[in-house]
Amino acid sequence: MKFNFVKTIFSIGISTLIAFGFYSFNGHQNRALIDAGSFTSILITLLFCIGTNFSLPRTTTMVRTVSAIFFVMVIISNLFFAFYIFSIPLYVIVNGILLLIFTLVAYSVYNAKQ
């Protein structure tokens, strides 16, 4: 696995702007949590979607596809949390489960070596 420096910086910038958007849409008391949580989860999925290359082209394609799917799921989840009042444990559990499932699926795809 190799990280492309320019695409990684681009992913960080996009993640920052999207997280700031969620922060500004949220008018509730948990603004800092949704900002940090959305930045982290969006950054992880975007890094694997845009900024990485693997030794096998099929592995790269599969990891990028899985990352794009989870990126959309994370965006939908954070949009929901940005517009509705939520508890901190609910946010941490939902986004934690999404990231753990993403990690498991991406790891399984990477180890398939196809």
N, C-alpha and C. Protein backbone atom coordinates (compact mmCIF):
# COMPACT_ATOMS: atom_id res chain seq x y z
N MET A 1 0.84 -1.17 0.00
CA MET A 1 0.00 0.00 0.00
C MET A 1 0.89 1.23 0.00
N LYS A 2 0.59 2.16 -0.91
CA LYS A 2 1.33 3.41 -0.99
C LYS A 2 0.35 4.57 -0.96
N PHE A 3 0.74 5.63 -0.25
CA PHE A 3 -0.05 6.85 -0.22
C PHE A 3 0.50 7.83 -1.23
N ASN A 4 -0.38 8.41 -2.03
CA ASN A 4 -0.02 9.48 -2.95
C ASN A 4 -0.11 10.80 -2.17
N PHE A 5 0.98 11.53 -2.07
CA PHE A 5 1.07 12.72 -1.22
C PHE A 5 0.04 13.78 -1.61
N VAL A 6 -0.06 14.10 -2.88
CA VAL A 6 -0.97 15.16 -3.32
C VAL A 6 -2.43 14.76 -3.09
N LYS A 7 -2.77 13.53 -3.40
CA LYS A 7 -4.14 13.06 -3.19
C LYS A 7 -4.47 12.96 -1.70
N THR A 8 -3.48 12.65 -0.88
CA THR A 8 -3.70 12.61 0.57
C THR A 8 -3.98 14.01 1.11
N ILE A 9 -3.23 15.00 0.66
CA ILE A 9 -3.48 16.38 1.08
C ILE A 9 -4.86 16.83 0.59
N PHE A 10 -5.22 16.44 -0.62
CA PHE A 10 -6.55 16.76 -1.15
C PHE A 10 -7.64 16.12 -0.28
N SER A 11 -7.45 14.88 0.13
CA SER A 11 -8.42 14.20 0.99
C SER A 11 -8.57 14.90 2.33
N ILE A 12 -7.46 15.35 2.89
CA ILE A 12 -7.51 16.07 4.16
C ILE A 12 -8.27 17.38 4.00
N GLY A 13 -8.03 18.09 2.91
CA GLY A 13 -8.74 19.35 2.66
C GLY A 13 -10.23 19.16 2.48
N ILE A 14 -10.62 18.17 1.69
CA ILE A 14 -12.04 17.89 1.47
C ILE A 14 -12.71 17.48 2.78
N SER A 15 -12.03 16.63 3.57
CA SER A 15 -12.58 16.19 4.86
C SER A 15 -12.77 17.37 5.80
N THR A 16 -11.82 18.27 5.81
CA THR A 16 -11.92 19.45 6.67
C THR A 16 -13.12 20.31 6.28
N LEU A 17 -13.29 20.54 4.99
CA LEU A 17 -14.41 21.37 4.54
C LEU A 17 -15.77 20.72 4.80
N ILE A 18 -15.87 19.43 4.59
CA ILE A 18 -17.13 18.74 4.86
C ILE A 18 -17.42 18.74 6.36
N ALA A 19 -16.40 18.50 7.18
CA ALA A 19 -16.60 18.52 8.64
C ALA A 19 -17.01 19.90 9.11
N PHE A 20 -16.43 20.95 8.53
CA PHE A 20 -16.84 22.30 8.89
C PHE A 20 -18.29 22.56 8.49
N GLY A 21 -18.70 22.01 7.35
CA GLY A 21 -20.09 22.13 6.94
C GLY A 21 -21.03 21.48 7.94
N PHE A 22 -20.69 20.28 8.41
CA PHE A 22 -21.51 19.63 9.44
C PHE A 22 -21.51 20.43 10.73
N TYR A 23 -20.38 21.00 11.08
CA TYR A 23 -20.27 21.82 12.28
C TYR A 23 -21.19 23.04 12.17
N SER A 24 -21.21 23.68 11.03
CA SER A 24 -22.01 24.89 10.90
C SER A 24 -23.51 24.58 10.76
N PHE A 25 -23.88 23.42 10.22
CA PHE A 25 -25.29 23.05 10.14
C PHE A 25 -25.86 22.68 11.50
N ASN A 26 -25.03 22.12 12.38
CA ASN A 26 -25.49 21.65 13.68
C ASN A 26 -25.63 22.83 14.62
N GLY A 27 -26.83 23.06 15.12
CA GLY A 27 -27.07 24.16 16.04
C GLY A 27 -27.21 23.70 17.48
N HIS A 28 -26.83 22.49 17.76
CA HIS A 28 -27.02 21.92 19.09
C HIS A 28 -25.72 21.96 19.88
N GLN A 29 -25.76 21.41 21.06
CA GLN A 29 -24.62 21.48 21.96
C GLN A 29 -23.47 20.55 21.58
N ASN A 30 -23.68 19.59 20.72
CA ASN A 30 -22.65 18.61 20.37
C ASN A 30 -21.91 18.97 19.08
N ARG A 31 -21.69 20.24 18.85
CA ARG A 31 -21.05 20.68 17.60
C ARG A 31 -19.62 20.18 17.48
N ALA A 32 -18.87 20.24 18.55
CA ALA A 32 -17.47 19.81 18.50
C ALA A 32 -17.37 18.29 18.25
N LEU A 33 -18.28 17.54 18.83
CA LEU A 33 -18.27 16.09 18.62
C LEU A 33 -18.55 15.74 17.16
N ILE A 34 -19.56 16.36 16.58
CA ILE A 34 -19.87 16.04 15.19
C ILE A 34 -18.77 16.54 14.26
N ASP A 35 -18.10 17.63 14.63
CA ASP A 35 -16.99 18.12 13.82
C ASP A 35 -15.83 17.13 13.84
N ALA A 36 -15.41 16.73 15.02
CA ALA A 36 -14.28 15.79 15.13
C ALA A 36 -14.63 14.41 14.59
N GLY A 37 -15.82 13.94 14.89
CA GLY A 37 -16.24 12.61 14.42
C GLY A 37 -16.40 12.54 12.92
N SER A 38 -17.02 13.55 12.35
CA SER A 38 -17.20 13.53 10.89
C SER A 38 -15.86 13.71 10.18
N PHE A 39 -14.98 14.55 10.71
CA PHE A 39 -13.66 14.71 10.09
C PHE A 39 -12.91 13.39 10.09
N THR A 40 -12.90 12.71 11.22
CA THR A 40 -12.16 11.46 11.32
C THR A 40 -12.71 10.39 10.39
N SER A 41 -14.01 10.19 10.42
CA SER A 41 -14.59 9.11 9.61
C SER A 41 -14.54 9.43 8.12
N ILE A 42 -14.73 10.68 7.75
CA ILE A 42 -14.65 11.05 6.34
C ILE A 42 -13.21 10.96 5.85
N LEU A 43 -12.27 11.39 6.67
CA LEU A 43 -10.86 11.33 6.28
C LEU A 43 -10.41 9.89 6.04
N ILE A 44 -10.78 8.98 6.92
CA ILE A 44 -10.36 7.59 6.77
C ILE A 44 -10.91 6.99 5.48
N THR A 45 -12.20 7.22 5.22
CA THR A 45 -12.78 6.64 4.01
C THR A 45 -12.24 7.31 2.74
N LEU A 46 -12.02 8.63 2.79
CA LEU A 46 -11.49 9.32 1.61
C LEU A 46 -10.03 8.95 1.33
N LEU A 47 -9.25 8.74 2.37
CA LEU A 47 -7.86 8.34 2.16
C LEU A 47 -7.78 7.03 1.39
N PHE A 48 -8.62 6.09 1.75
CA PHE A 48 -8.59 4.81 1.05
C PHE A 48 -9.30 4.88 -0.29
N CYS A 49 -10.19 5.84 -0.48
CA CYS A 49 -10.89 5.99 -1.74
C CYS A 49 -10.05 6.73 -2.78
N ILE A 50 -9.31 7.73 -2.34
CA ILE A 50 -8.58 8.59 -3.27
C ILE A 50 -7.07 8.44 -3.15
N GLY A 51 -6.55 8.40 -1.93
CA GLY A 51 -5.13 8.59 -1.73
C GLY A 51 -4.24 7.38 -1.67
N THR A 52 -4.77 6.18 -1.84
CA THR A 52 -3.92 4.99 -1.72
C THR A 52 -3.89 4.20 -3.02
N ASN A 53 -2.82 3.50 -3.21
CA ASN A 53 -2.66 2.53 -4.29
C ASN A 53 -2.10 1.25 -3.70
N PHE A 54 -2.56 0.14 -4.23
CA PHE A 54 -2.09 -1.16 -3.78
C PHE A 54 -1.29 -1.81 -4.91
N SER A 55 -0.58 -2.86 -4.59
CA SER A 55 0.28 -3.50 -5.59
C SER A 55 -0.54 -4.16 -6.70
N LEU A 56 -1.70 -4.66 -6.38
CA LEU A 56 -2.55 -5.30 -7.38
C LEU A 56 -3.69 -4.36 -7.80
N PRO A 57 -3.90 -4.18 -9.10
CA PRO A 57 -4.93 -3.24 -9.55
C PRO A 57 -6.34 -3.62 -9.10
N ARG A 58 -6.63 -4.90 -9.05
CA ARG A 58 -7.97 -5.33 -8.63
C ARG A 58 -8.20 -5.01 -7.16
N THR A 59 -7.18 -5.18 -6.35
CA THR A 59 -7.29 -4.84 -4.93
C THR A 59 -7.53 -3.35 -4.77
N THR A 60 -6.83 -2.55 -5.54
CA THR A 60 -7.03 -1.09 -5.48
C THR A 60 -8.47 -0.73 -5.85
N THR A 61 -8.99 -1.34 -6.88
CA THR A 61 -10.36 -1.06 -7.32
C THR A 61 -11.37 -1.48 -6.26
N MET A 62 -11.18 -2.65 -5.69
CA MET A 62 -12.13 -3.14 -4.69
C MET A 62 -12.10 -2.30 -3.42
N VAL A 63 -10.91 -1.93 -2.95
CA VAL A 63 -10.81 -1.10 -1.75
C VAL A 63 -11.41 0.27 -2.01
N ARG A 64 -11.18 0.83 -3.18
CA ARG A 64 -11.78 2.13 -3.51
C ARG A 64 -13.30 2.05 -3.58
N THR A 65 -13.82 0.96 -4.10
CA THR A 65 -15.27 0.79 -4.16
C THR A 65 -15.87 0.68 -2.77
N VAL A 66 -15.27 -0.13 -1.93
CA VAL A 66 -15.73 -0.27 -0.55
C VAL A 66 -15.63 1.07 0.18
N SER A 67 -14.55 1.79 -0.04
CA SER A 67 -14.37 3.09 0.61
C SER A 67 -15.41 4.10 0.15
N ALA A 68 -15.74 4.09 -1.13
CA ALA A 68 -16.75 5.01 -1.64
C ALA A 68 -18.13 4.70 -1.06
N ILE A 69 -18.45 3.43 -0.93
CA ILE A 69 -19.73 3.04 -0.34
C ILE A 69 -19.80 3.50 1.11
N PHE A 70 -18.74 3.26 1.88
CA PHE A 70 -18.75 3.67 3.28
C PHE A 70 -18.66 5.19 3.41
N PHE A 71 -18.03 5.88 2.47
CA PHE A 71 -18.01 7.33 2.48
C PHE A 71 -19.43 7.88 2.39
N VAL A 72 -20.23 7.33 1.49
CA VAL A 72 -21.63 7.75 1.35
C VAL A 72 -22.40 7.44 2.62
N MET A 73 -22.17 6.27 3.21
CA MET A 73 -22.86 5.91 4.45
C MET A 73 -22.49 6.85 5.59
N VAL A 74 -21.23 7.24 5.68
CA VAL A 74 -20.78 8.15 6.72
C VAL A 74 -21.39 9.54 6.51
N ILE A 75 -21.46 9.99 5.27
CA ILE A 75 -22.07 11.29 4.97
C ILE A 75 -23.54 11.28 5.38
N ILE A 76 -24.27 10.24 5.04
CA ILE A 76 -25.69 10.14 5.40
C ILE A 76 -25.85 10.11 6.91
N SER A 77 -25.02 9.34 7.59
CA SER A 77 -25.09 9.26 9.05
C SER A 77 -24.83 10.62 9.68
N ASN A 78 -23.81 11.31 9.22
CA ASN A 78 -23.49 12.61 9.81
C ASN A 78 -24.50 13.68 9.43
N LEU A 79 -25.11 13.57 8.26
CA LEU A 79 -26.20 14.50 7.92
C LEU A 79 -27.36 14.33 8.88
N PHE A 80 -27.69 13.08 9.17
CA PHE A 80 -28.76 12.82 10.13
C PHE A 80 -28.43 13.44 11.48
N PHE A 81 -27.22 13.21 11.96
CA PHE A 81 -26.84 13.73 13.27
C PHE A 81 -26.69 15.25 13.27
N ALA A 82 -26.40 15.85 12.13
CA ALA A 82 -26.24 17.30 12.07
C ALA A 82 -27.58 18.03 12.22
N PHE A 83 -28.66 17.40 11.77
CA PHE A 83 -29.95 18.08 11.77
C PHE A 83 -30.87 17.68 12.92
N TYR A 84 -30.53 16.64 13.66
CA TYR A 84 -31.39 16.19 14.74
C TYR A 84 -30.62 16.18 16.05
N ILE A 85 -31.36 16.32 17.13
CA ILE A 85 -30.75 16.25 18.46
C ILE A 85 -30.41 14.79 18.73
N PHE A 86 -29.20 14.54 19.25
CA PHE A 86 -28.74 13.18 19.47
C PHE A 86 -27.94 13.13 20.77
N SER A 87 -27.78 11.92 21.27
CA SER A 87 -26.95 11.73 22.45
C SER A 87 -25.54 11.34 22.01
N ILE A 88 -24.60 11.66 22.85
CA ILE A 88 -23.20 11.38 22.53
C ILE A 88 -22.95 9.88 22.35
N PRO A 89 -23.45 9.02 23.25
CA PRO A 89 -23.21 7.58 23.06
C PRO A 89 -23.78 7.05 21.75
N LEU A 90 -24.95 7.55 21.34
CA LEU A 90 -25.53 7.09 20.07
C LEU A 90 -24.64 7.46 18.90
N TYR A 91 -24.12 8.67 18.89
CA TYR A 91 -23.24 9.10 17.80
C TYR A 91 -21.97 8.27 17.76
N VAL A 92 -21.36 8.07 18.91
CA VAL A 92 -20.11 7.30 18.97
C VAL A 92 -20.34 5.86 18.54
N ILE A 93 -21.43 5.26 18.98
CA ILE A 93 -21.71 3.86 18.65
C ILE A 93 -21.98 3.70 17.16
N VAL A 94 -22.83 4.54 16.59
CA VAL A 94 -23.18 4.40 15.17
C VAL A 94 -21.96 4.62 14.28
N ASN A 95 -21.24 5.71 14.51
CA ASN A 95 -20.08 5.97 13.67
C ASN A 95 -18.93 5.01 13.95
N GLY A 96 -18.80 4.55 15.18
CA GLY A 96 -17.78 3.55 15.50
C GLY A 96 -18.05 2.23 14.81
N ILE A 97 -19.31 1.81 14.79
CA ILE A 97 -19.66 0.57 14.11
C ILE A 97 -19.41 0.69 12.61
N LEU A 98 -19.77 1.85 12.02
CA LEU A 98 -19.51 2.05 10.59
C LEU A 98 -18.02 1.96 10.28
N LEU A 99 -17.19 2.60 11.10
CA LEU A 99 -15.75 2.56 10.85
C LEU A 99 -15.16 1.18 11.07
N LEU A 100 -15.64 0.47 12.07
CA LEU A 100 -15.13 -0.88 12.32
C LEU A 100 -15.53 -1.85 11.21
N ILE A 101 -16.75 -1.73 10.72
CA ILE A 101 -17.17 -2.59 9.61
C ILE A 101 -16.37 -2.25 8.36
N PHE A 102 -16.14 -0.95 8.12
CA PHE A 102 -15.32 -0.54 6.98
C PHE A 102 -13.92 -1.12 7.10
N THR A 103 -13.34 -1.03 8.27
CA THR A 103 -11.99 -1.56 8.48
C THR A 103 -11.95 -3.06 8.23
N LEU A 104 -12.93 -3.78 8.72
CA LEU A 104 -12.98 -5.23 8.53
C LEU A 104 -13.12 -5.60 7.05
N VAL A 105 -14.01 -4.93 6.35
CA VAL A 105 -14.23 -5.25 4.93
C VAL A 105 -13.00 -4.88 4.10
N ALA A 106 -12.42 -3.71 4.36
CA ALA A 106 -11.23 -3.30 3.60
C ALA A 106 -10.06 -4.23 3.88
N TYR A 107 -9.91 -4.64 5.12
CA TYR A 107 -8.84 -5.59 5.47
C TYR A 107 -9.06 -6.93 4.78
N SER A 108 -10.31 -7.39 4.74
CA SER A 108 -10.61 -8.66 4.08
C SER A 108 -10.34 -8.59 2.59
N VAL A 109 -10.69 -7.47 1.97
CA VAL A 109 -10.41 -7.29 0.54
C VAL A 109 -8.92 -7.25 0.29
N TYR A 110 -8.20 -6.55 1.14
CA TYR A 110 -6.75 -6.44 0.98
C TYR A 110 -6.07 -7.80 1.12
N ASN A 111 -6.54 -8.62 2.04
CA ASN A 111 -5.94 -9.94 2.25
C ASN A 111 -6.37 -10.97 1.22
N ALA A 112 -7.35 -10.68 0.40
CA ALA A 112 -7.79 -11.62 -0.63
C ALA A 112 -6.73 -11.77 -1.71
N LYS A 113 -5.92 -10.74 -1.93
CA LYS A 113 -4.80 -10.75 -2.88
C LYS A 113 -5.22 -11.19 -4.28
N GLN A 114 -6.27 -10.56 -4.80
CA GLN A 114 -6.72 -10.90 -6.15
C GLN A 114 -6.37 -9.80 -7.11
